[in-house]
Structure formats: structure tokens, C-alpha cells
Protein backbone atom coordinates (compact mmCIF):
# COMPACT_ATOMS: atom_id res chain seq x y z
CA MET A 1 16.40 29.95 14.72
CA PRO A 2 19.58 28.57 13.15
CA LYS A 3 20.37 29.62 9.59
CA ASP A 4 20.17 26.05 8.34
CA TYR A 5 16.78 25.29 9.87
CA HIS A 6 15.49 24.34 6.42
CA ARG A 7 17.97 21.45 6.41
CA ARG A 8 16.68 19.94 9.68
CA PRO A 9 14.78 16.58 9.66
CA VAL A 10 11.18 16.74 8.48
CA GLY A 11 9.67 13.64 10.15
CA THR A 12 6.58 13.31 12.34
CA GLU A 13 5.50 10.82 14.98
CA ILE A 14 3.05 9.11 12.59
CA ASP A 15 5.59 8.40 9.83
CA ARG A 16 6.18 4.83 11.05
CA ARG A 17 2.44 4.12 10.89
CA TYR A 18 2.16 5.41 7.31
CA PRO A 19 5.64 5.00 5.75
CA LEU A 20 4.55 4.41 2.15
CA THR A 21 1.77 7.02 2.20
CA THR A 22 4.09 9.62 3.67
CA ALA A 23 6.90 8.92 1.20
CA ILE A 24 4.69 8.99 -1.91
CA SER A 25 2.66 12.02 -0.86
CA ALA A 26 5.84 13.91 0.08
CA GLY A 27 7.32 13.18 -3.34
CA LEU A 28 4.21 14.49 -5.08
CA ASP A 29 4.32 17.61 -2.93
CA MET A 30 7.92 18.29 -3.95
CA LEU A 31 6.75 18.47 -7.57
CA THR A 32 3.99 20.88 -6.59
CA CYS A 33 6.19 23.16 -4.52
CA THR A 34 8.80 23.29 -7.28
CA GLY A 35 6.20 24.61 -9.72
CA LEU A 36 4.52 26.93 -7.22
CA GLY A 37 7.89 28.15 -5.98
CA ALA A 38 8.95 28.97 -9.52
CA THR A 39 5.78 31.05 -9.97
CA VAL A 40 6.13 32.92 -6.67
CA GLY A 41 9.89 33.26 -7.14
CA SER A 42 9.54 34.79 -10.57
CA LEU A 43 7.05 37.34 -9.22
CA LEU A 44 9.39 38.32 -6.40
CA ALA A 45 12.43 38.36 -8.64
CA ALA A 46 10.76 40.79 -11.05
CA ASN A 47 10.65 43.31 -8.20
CA MET A 48 13.50 42.34 -5.89
CA MET A 49 16.24 41.63 -8.41
CA MET A 50 15.95 44.79 -10.49
CA PRO A 51 19.18 46.80 -10.51
CA GLY A 52 19.59 50.32 -9.19
CA GLN A 53 16.92 52.18 -7.29
CA ASN A 54 14.36 49.34 -7.04
CA PHE A 55 16.89 47.17 -5.26
CA ALA A 56 17.89 49.85 -2.75
CA ARG A 57 14.26 50.81 -2.18
CA GLU A 58 13.28 47.21 -1.39
CA ILE A 59 15.97 46.95 1.29
CA ALA A 60 15.09 50.32 2.83
CA ARG A 61 11.43 49.38 3.09
CA LEU A 62 12.18 46.44 5.37
CA ASP A 63 13.52 48.48 8.32
CA ILE A 64 10.16 49.84 9.40
CA TYR A 65 8.71 46.32 9.73
CA ALA A 66 11.77 44.97 11.54
CA THR A 67 11.44 47.77 14.10
CA LEU A 68 7.80 46.91 14.75
CA ALA A 69 8.63 43.22 15.13
CA ALA A 70 11.44 43.96 17.59
CA ASN A 71 8.89 45.59 19.86
CA GLY A 72 7.11 42.24 20.19
CA ALA A 73 3.76 43.82 21.05
CA ALA A 74 0.84 42.72 18.88
CA ALA A 75 -1.14 45.86 19.78
CA ALA A 76 1.62 48.02 18.25
CA SER A 77 2.01 45.94 15.08
CA PHE A 78 -1.63 45.41 14.14
CA GLN A 79 -4.15 48.17 13.57
CA ALA A 80 -7.21 47.97 15.81
CA PRO A 81 -10.55 47.82 14.00
CA PRO A 82 -12.45 51.14 13.95
CA ALA A 83 -15.52 51.34 16.17
CA GLN A 84 -17.90 51.57 13.22
CA VAL A 85 -17.29 49.89 9.87
CA PRO A 86 -20.47 49.54 7.78
CA VAL A 87 -20.77 45.92 6.63
CA ILE A 88 -23.14 45.38 3.70
CA GLU A 89 -25.04 42.09 3.38
CA THR A 90 -26.41 41.21 -0.05
CA SER A 91 -29.70 39.42 -0.66
CA THR A 92 -29.89 35.94 0.79
CA VAL A 93 -29.85 32.92 -1.50
CA PHE A 94 -30.04 29.17 -0.90
CA PHE A 95 -27.95 26.47 -2.52
CA GLY A 96 -28.38 22.73 -2.30
CA PHE A 97 -31.58 20.75 -1.92
CA GLN A 98 -34.01 20.70 0.97
CA PRO A 99 -33.74 19.77 3.76
CA PHE A 100 -29.98 20.30 3.44
CA SER A 101 -29.91 23.65 1.62
CA ILE A 102 -27.60 26.37 2.94
CA ARG A 103 -28.67 29.97 3.48
CA THR A 104 -25.91 32.22 2.11
CA SER A 105 -25.23 35.90 1.59
CA LEU A 106 -22.22 38.01 0.65
CA LEU A 107 -20.74 40.38 3.23
CA SER A 108 -18.53 43.29 2.22
CA PHE A 109 -17.06 46.51 3.57
CA ASP A 110 -14.56 49.16 2.54
CA SER A 111 -11.31 48.15 4.20
CA PRO A 112 -9.97 51.01 6.36
CA TYR A 113 -6.42 49.65 6.26
CA GLU A 114 -3.62 52.24 6.02
CA PRO A 115 -0.19 50.92 4.92
CA VAL A 116 2.54 51.09 7.55
CA ASP A 117 4.96 52.30 4.88
CA LYS A 118 3.31 55.51 3.66
CA ALA A 119 5.64 55.63 0.67
CA ILE A 120 3.91 52.67 -0.97
CA ARG A 121 0.34 53.70 -0.18
CA GLY A 122 -0.38 54.66 -3.81
CA PRO A 123 1.20 51.63 -5.50
CA TYR A 124 -0.37 49.31 -2.92
CA ALA A 125 -3.84 50.72 -3.59
CA ARG A 126 -3.39 50.48 -7.37
CA MET A 127 -2.48 46.82 -7.05
CA GLY A 128 -5.79 46.11 -5.29
CA GLY A 129 -4.78 46.79 -1.68
CA GLY A 130 -7.48 48.49 0.33
CA GLY A 131 -10.71 48.41 -1.61
CA ARG A 132 -13.51 46.17 -0.41
CA ALA A 133 -13.25 43.10 1.79
CA TYR A 134 -15.55 40.16 1.05
CA ALA A 135 -16.81 37.00 2.73
CA GLN A 136 -19.50 34.44 2.00
CA TYR A 137 -21.74 34.00 5.04
CA TRP A 138 -23.67 30.80 5.74
CA SER A 139 -26.29 31.59 8.37
CA HIS A 140 -29.26 29.85 9.94
CA ARG A 141 -32.73 31.22 10.48
CA GLY A 142 -33.57 32.54 13.91
CA GLY A 143 -30.50 34.65 14.62
CA ALA A 144 -26.73 34.27 14.76
CA ARG A 145 -25.23 31.03 16.05
CA LYS A 146 -21.72 30.01 17.05
CA THR A 147 -19.61 30.77 14.00
CA LEU A 148 -16.51 29.43 12.29
CA ILE A 149 -14.46 31.89 10.24
CA PHE A 150 -12.57 29.94 7.59
CA VAL A 151 -9.59 31.42 5.71
CA HIS A 152 -8.39 29.96 2.40
CA GLY A 153 -4.87 29.29 1.17
CA PHE A 154 -2.80 31.09 -1.46
CA ILE A 155 -4.65 30.96 -4.82
CA ALA A 156 -7.20 28.53 -3.29
CA ASP A 157 -9.92 31.13 -2.65
CA PRO A 158 -13.06 29.63 -4.32
CA TYR A 159 -15.75 29.23 -1.68
CA TRP A 160 -16.95 25.90 -3.14
CA PHE A 161 -13.42 24.42 -3.01
CA ASN A 162 -12.92 25.19 0.69
CA ALA A 163 -16.45 24.06 1.56
CA ARG A 164 -15.84 20.67 -0.05
CA MET A 165 -12.19 20.23 0.97
CA PHE A 166 -12.82 20.83 4.67
CA GLY A 167 -16.32 19.46 5.17
CA LEU A 168 -17.87 22.82 6.00
CA ARG A 169 -21.34 21.68 4.97
CA LYS A 170 -21.28 19.10 7.79
CA LEU A 171 -20.33 21.80 10.29
CA TYR A 172 -23.22 23.93 9.05
CA GLN A 173 -25.59 20.99 9.45
CA ALA A 174 -24.19 20.48 12.96
CA GLY A 175 -25.42 23.99 13.84
CA TYR A 176 -22.49 26.28 13.06
CA ASP A 177 -22.71 29.43 10.99
CA ILE A 178 -19.78 29.67 8.55
CA LEU A 179 -17.94 32.74 7.25
CA LEU A 180 -15.65 32.09 4.27
CA VAL A 181 -13.32 35.09 4.07
CA THR A 182 -11.53 36.27 0.92
CA LEU A 183 -7.95 37.45 1.54
CA PRO A 184 -6.52 40.60 -0.10
CA PHE A 185 -5.62 40.21 -3.80
CA HIS A 186 -7.76 37.08 -4.17
CA GLY A 187 -11.15 36.45 -5.73
CA TYR A 188 -13.32 39.58 -5.71
CA ARG A 189 -10.30 41.49 -4.41
CA LYS A 190 -8.05 40.76 -7.38
CA ALA A 191 -7.18 43.77 -9.53
CA TRP A 192 -8.62 43.50 -13.02
CA PHE A 193 -5.20 43.42 -14.70
CA GLU A 194 -3.74 40.62 -12.55
CA PRO A 195 -3.36 37.30 -14.39
CA PHE A 196 -4.60 35.07 -11.55
CA SER A 197 -6.09 35.21 -8.08
CA GLY A 198 -3.40 35.84 -5.46
CA PHE A 199 -0.97 37.41 -7.94
CA GLY A 200 -0.91 40.70 -6.03
CA TYR A 201 0.19 39.05 -2.77
CA PHE A 202 3.73 38.31 -3.95
CA SER A 203 4.25 40.44 -7.03
CA ARG A 204 5.59 43.69 -5.53
CA GLY A 205 8.35 42.70 -3.13
CA MET A 206 8.63 41.89 0.56
CA GLY A 207 7.33 45.19 1.89
CA HIS A 208 4.18 44.65 -0.13
CA ILE A 209 3.81 41.12 1.31
CA ASN A 210 4.04 42.57 4.81
CA GLU A 211 1.30 45.10 4.07
CA ALA A 212 -0.99 42.41 2.63
CA MET A 213 -0.57 40.29 5.77
CA LEU A 214 -1.26 43.20 8.10
CA GLN A 215 -4.31 44.23 6.11
CA ALA A 216 -5.69 40.69 6.18
CA VAL A 217 -5.52 40.67 9.99
CA LEU A 218 -7.37 43.99 10.26
CA ASP A 219 -10.09 42.81 7.88
CA LEU A 220 -10.51 39.56 9.82
CA ARG A 221 -10.87 41.48 13.09
CA ILE A 222 -13.59 43.63 11.52
CA PHE A 223 -15.47 40.46 10.57
CA VAL A 224 -15.09 39.23 14.18
CA ASP A 225 -16.57 42.52 15.38
CA TYR A 226 -19.48 42.17 12.97
CA LEU A 227 -20.30 38.60 14.01
CA LEU A 228 -20.16 39.36 17.74
CA LYS A 229 -22.33 42.47 17.34
CA ARG A 230 -24.76 40.38 15.30
CA GLY A 231 -25.15 38.15 18.35
CA ALA A 232 -22.92 35.15 17.68
CA PRO A 233 -22.30 33.50 21.09
CA HIS A 234 -18.91 32.18 19.96
CA VAL A 235 -16.60 33.02 17.06
CA GLY A 236 -13.61 30.86 16.18
CA ILE A 237 -11.21 30.72 13.27
CA ALA A 238 -9.60 28.03 11.15
CA GLY A 239 -7.53 28.32 8.00
CA TYR A 240 -5.49 26.31 5.56
CA SER A 241 -1.90 27.00 4.42
CA LEU A 242 -1.71 30.80 4.07
CA GLY A 243 -5.07 30.83 5.83
CA GLY A 244 -3.51 28.68 8.56
CA TYR A 245 -0.87 31.37 8.96
CA MET A 246 -3.60 33.99 9.30
CA SER A 247 -5.51 31.95 11.88
CA ALA A 248 -2.30 31.50 13.92
CA ILE A 249 -1.67 35.26 13.85
CA MET A 250 -5.27 35.90 14.89
CA ALA A 251 -4.70 33.65 17.92
CA ALA A 252 -2.04 36.16 19.01
CA VAL A 253 -4.06 39.28 18.23
CA GLU A 254 -7.72 38.54 18.96
CA PRO A 255 -8.51 37.23 22.48
CA ARG A 256 -12.25 37.27 21.78
CA LEU A 257 -11.91 34.15 19.63
CA SER A 258 -13.24 30.94 21.15
CA PHE A 259 -10.71 28.79 19.29
CA ALA A 260 -8.05 28.84 16.57
CA ILE A 261 -7.24 25.92 14.25
CA PRO A 262 -4.28 26.48 11.90
CA MET A 263 -4.25 23.70 9.28
CA CYS A 264 -1.07 22.92 7.31
CA PRO A 265 0.03 26.43 8.31
CA VAL A 266 2.85 28.55 7.02
CA VAL A 267 4.70 29.69 10.15
CA SER A 268 7.72 31.63 8.85
CA VAL A 269 7.34 33.07 5.35
CA VAL A 270 11.08 33.16 4.78
CA ASP A 271 11.71 29.61 5.99
CA ALA A 272 8.77 28.34 3.93
CA ALA A 273 10.50 29.85 0.90
CA MET A 274 13.75 28.14 1.91
CA ASP A 275 11.93 24.80 1.90
CA TRP A 276 11.11 25.19 -1.81
CA PRO A 277 14.09 24.58 -4.14
CA SER A 278 13.24 27.34 -6.63
CA THR A 279 12.64 30.12 -4.09
CA ARG A 280 15.67 28.97 -2.09
CA LEU A 281 17.82 29.81 -5.11
CA LEU A 282 16.18 33.24 -5.41
CA PHE A 283 16.69 34.08 -1.74
CA GLY A 284 20.29 32.91 -1.90
CA GLN A 285 20.95 35.27 -4.82
CA PHE A 286 19.12 38.11 -3.06
CA LEU A 287 21.23 37.66 0.08
CA ARG A 288 24.46 37.67 -1.93
CA LEU A 289 23.54 40.85 -3.77
CA THR A 290 22.38 42.76 -0.70
CA GLY A 291 24.88 41.59 1.89
CA LEU A 292 21.95 40.62 4.12
CA ASP A 293 21.66 37.32 5.94
CA LEU A 294 18.77 34.92 6.43
CA PRO A 295 18.06 36.22 9.97
CA ASP A 296 17.71 39.71 8.45
CA LEU A 297 14.92 38.50 6.16
CA ARG A 298 13.25 36.67 9.04
CA GLN A 299 13.30 39.87 11.06
CA ALA A 300 11.93 41.87 8.12
CA THR A 301 8.87 39.59 7.91
CA ALA A 302 8.54 38.82 11.63
CA VAL A 303 6.01 41.63 12.10
CA HIS A 304 3.22 39.28 11.00
CA SER A 305 4.63 35.95 12.18
CA PRO A 306 2.80 34.10 14.98
CA LEU A 307 6.25 33.21 16.36
CA THR A 308 6.84 36.87 17.25
CA TYR A 309 3.98 37.16 19.74
CA ALA A 310 2.64 35.29 22.74
CA PRO A 311 -0.70 33.62 22.00
CA ALA A 312 -3.73 35.50 23.28
CA LEU A 313 -5.79 32.29 23.54
CA PRO A 314 -5.23 29.68 26.26
CA ALA A 315 -3.71 26.35 25.27
CA GLY A 316 -7.01 24.47 25.43
CA ARG A 317 -8.44 26.63 22.66
CA ARG A 318 -5.59 26.05 20.18
CA LEU A 319 -5.47 23.08 17.79
CA ILE A 320 -2.76 22.63 15.15
CA MET A 321 -3.48 20.16 12.32
CA SER A 322 -1.13 19.13 9.52
CA ALA A 323 -0.16 16.36 7.11
CA SER A 324 2.89 14.15 7.65
CA GLY A 325 3.89 14.26 3.97
CA ASP A 326 3.38 18.00 3.50
CA ARG A 327 6.35 19.57 1.77
CA LEU A 328 4.80 22.97 1.00
CA THR A 329 4.39 23.78 4.68
CA THR A 330 6.69 21.13 6.07
CA PRO A 331 6.31 19.40 9.46
CA ARG A 332 9.45 21.21 10.65
CA GLN A 333 7.59 24.50 9.99
CA VAL A 334 4.57 23.27 11.93
CA ALA A 335 6.83 22.09 14.77
CA LEU A 336 7.93 25.71 15.26
CA LEU A 337 4.36 26.74 16.01
CA ARG A 338 3.77 23.69 18.23
CA ASP A 339 6.85 24.56 20.28
CA HIS A 340 5.89 28.23 20.45
CA TRP A 341 2.41 27.27 21.67
CA PRO A 342 3.16 24.91 24.58
CA GLY A 343 0.19 22.85 25.69
CA SER A 344 -1.66 23.22 22.39
CA GLU A 345 -3.20 20.15 20.82
CA MET A 346 -1.31 18.75 17.81
CA TYR A 347 -3.02 16.45 15.31
CA TRP A 348 -1.10 14.81 12.44
CA PHE A 349 -2.87 13.04 9.59
CA PRO A 350 -1.47 11.09 6.59
CA GLY A 351 -1.18 12.85 3.23
CA ASN A 352 0.37 16.00 1.83
CA HIS A 353 -0.61 19.63 1.30
CA LEU A 354 -3.42 18.84 -1.14
CA MET A 355 -4.12 15.13 -0.61
CA HIS A 356 -5.57 14.61 2.88
CA PHE A 357 -6.10 10.98 3.76
CA GLU A 358 -8.46 9.98 6.59
CA ARG A 359 -10.21 13.30 5.97
CA ALA A 360 -13.46 12.26 7.63
CA LYS A 361 -11.52 11.28 10.75
CA TYR A 362 -9.68 14.59 11.11
CA GLN A 363 -12.81 16.59 10.30
CA GLU A 364 -14.63 14.82 13.10
CA HIS A 365 -11.72 15.56 15.45
CA MET A 366 -11.91 19.21 14.46
CA ARG A 367 -15.66 19.34 15.09
CA ARG A 368 -15.34 17.76 18.55
CA PHE A 369 -12.65 20.30 19.43
CA MET A 370 -14.90 23.15 18.30
CA ASP A 371 -17.80 21.74 20.30
CA ARG A 372 -15.67 21.64 23.46
CA CYS A 373 -14.50 25.22 22.99
CA THR A 374 -18.03 26.54 22.39
CA ALA A 375 -19.91 24.46 24.98
């Protein structure tokens, strides 16, 4: 990728159909990403921009991940799930009114993840890494059915929010079981002293981010194991924003999936940061102080990027969905994944990262795609 990729055009093929909607929603997104970027940037700066030993340590930590990424083999980069991981299911409860109530339970297990960088094992664990993994499970009576794993975005972990935002109740009523996974450092997995959900993901530097991404993949694969052993005939994955990133990585790591649907996905963590004005300033300062270049940072985080690996799923089982006015995960980011996944289906809809217009239409498209892949 060229160094100035973040300056390339952002447009999509539906912009002419929705010029006003795209322009307004993109402008609103720029306000959002400026505020969010300032939050994430300040967390990174507190660790990355410290003088002396912290600074040198942060640079040294990146080499181990760059070496793994250079290998280009997903099996070497991502830990395989252990043969036996005890998954605990809490008592079943129902929410909603008959006949449309949903049967839910909470799944959890002790994550067996071991940090790649052994030197940060202790600090990573103290910040909430490791610990227990959680997911809310919507199941039907009579045994496991075809199942959608859904992965939330950064900060956006509440189960009710994702259920409403992405029409998951309709998918449940259409016969799908649903598993809403909680990513590391979010929700139940947030350390007690962290000020908000997701804080731990970006608060300890780039090596820590890499470990959180790698752990999330391992935990997701353990949930896939559990669902298949439970008898689910098909298991697929979808995710939004950071969750879209995770679902794209899973498409490169887990061939047992029946489908993968990244939605408004992050594709390159570094280039996403370069799209946000506030984090762009931080990265520019970081590069000047270290003598590194933008390709160096890309390589340091490439270990968990879907662009590093060939997809393990065939083209017909990959659907990319995104908004034309999205400026948090811009269309030029999404185009990278589309080009890396030749033959995959691409679906653009009007709106931005949080405001999705024609939602019912794209949700129906998503359901039809899932039906085809699980027929």
C-alpha cells in the first residue's frame, strides 16, 4: 500500500444515487471520528509517547509481531483452540412476549490465551486480558440450529444494542440461533478500574492491541468449536466495525464457517487511524520521534489483519457490507478487503457508521445470503 493511501478518494458506486444523504452522513461521521479519535489517541499517547524506557520498549515489542506477519501463515499466527475447553451455560431465561419471546442463556469459559510477547503477560492479565470469555446465546427448543455468531464494535458491546441495530430478533424468528460475543476488555470482560467498556483495548500501546486481537480470534474459535459440538449444522459469523474486522480475520482462519459477513469493517488498524484527524496527528508525531515509517506500523499490526492472509472461505460464502458515507471505517478501507477477496459479494447502503438508511433492505439481503450459504 502507498504511504498516502489515506488521501485517496473515498467514493462508492452508489454516491450518485444518494448524493445528499452521503454528504450529510459523511459530515456527521467526521464529527464522531474526531471525538472518538481524540479518546483513542489520548489513550495511546499516554503509553506510546512517554520518554525513556517506555518508548524504547514499545518499539522493541513490535518486532515479534512483524516477524509472524511476514510468515503469512494464519496457522502460525493464531493459536489453535485446545481440544477441551469447558464452556459453562447459565440458567435459561426468556425475554419478550409470547409467541415472540427469545430463549437466552449466558455462555462463558476461562480463556486459555497465552500472549505472544511473554514479557507483557503479567501487565496484560492485570488489565483484564485472559480471564473469562462471555457470550449471550439465543437458542431454540429441540436442539441446536444453524447459528450466527455476531461480534460487536469498539465500545458498542451491549447485547440489546446489537440485537436492535442489526435486526437479530428477525433472524431468530426466521430459525437461526444467535451468539452475541463479548470481545476482550468489553462488557463483562472490562477490568473493574477501567473508566469505560473497551478502554483496555487501546490503553497500553500497540503490542497490547495486537495481543487483544489475537486473543479475540482464539476465543471466537472456541465458541465455534462449542456450537459445532453442540450439533449446530452451520455456523457463520458477522460483525460490525471492530467486529467486522474480527469476522474478516475469522474468514482467513476458520474454514469450518459457513459464511462471513464483515459490516463497516476496519481492515487496517493503522490506516483507519490515519483516516481520523486526531489520531493522524498522533501517529505522525510517533513516526517522527521513532524514525519509523507508516509501512513499519502496518507491518507491526499486520499479524491480525485480514489483508495478510488468503481467505479460508470460498468467494460465494463472503459478503462485505458497508455504508457509503462512513468516515470511521471509510469506503477506501472497505475497498482494500473487497480487492483482497476477489469474487466476494459487495453491498453498499446509504448512511454512515451509526446511521444506516434502508436498514430493512440490507438486513433482508443479509438474511437471503445466510439462507443460501446454509441451505
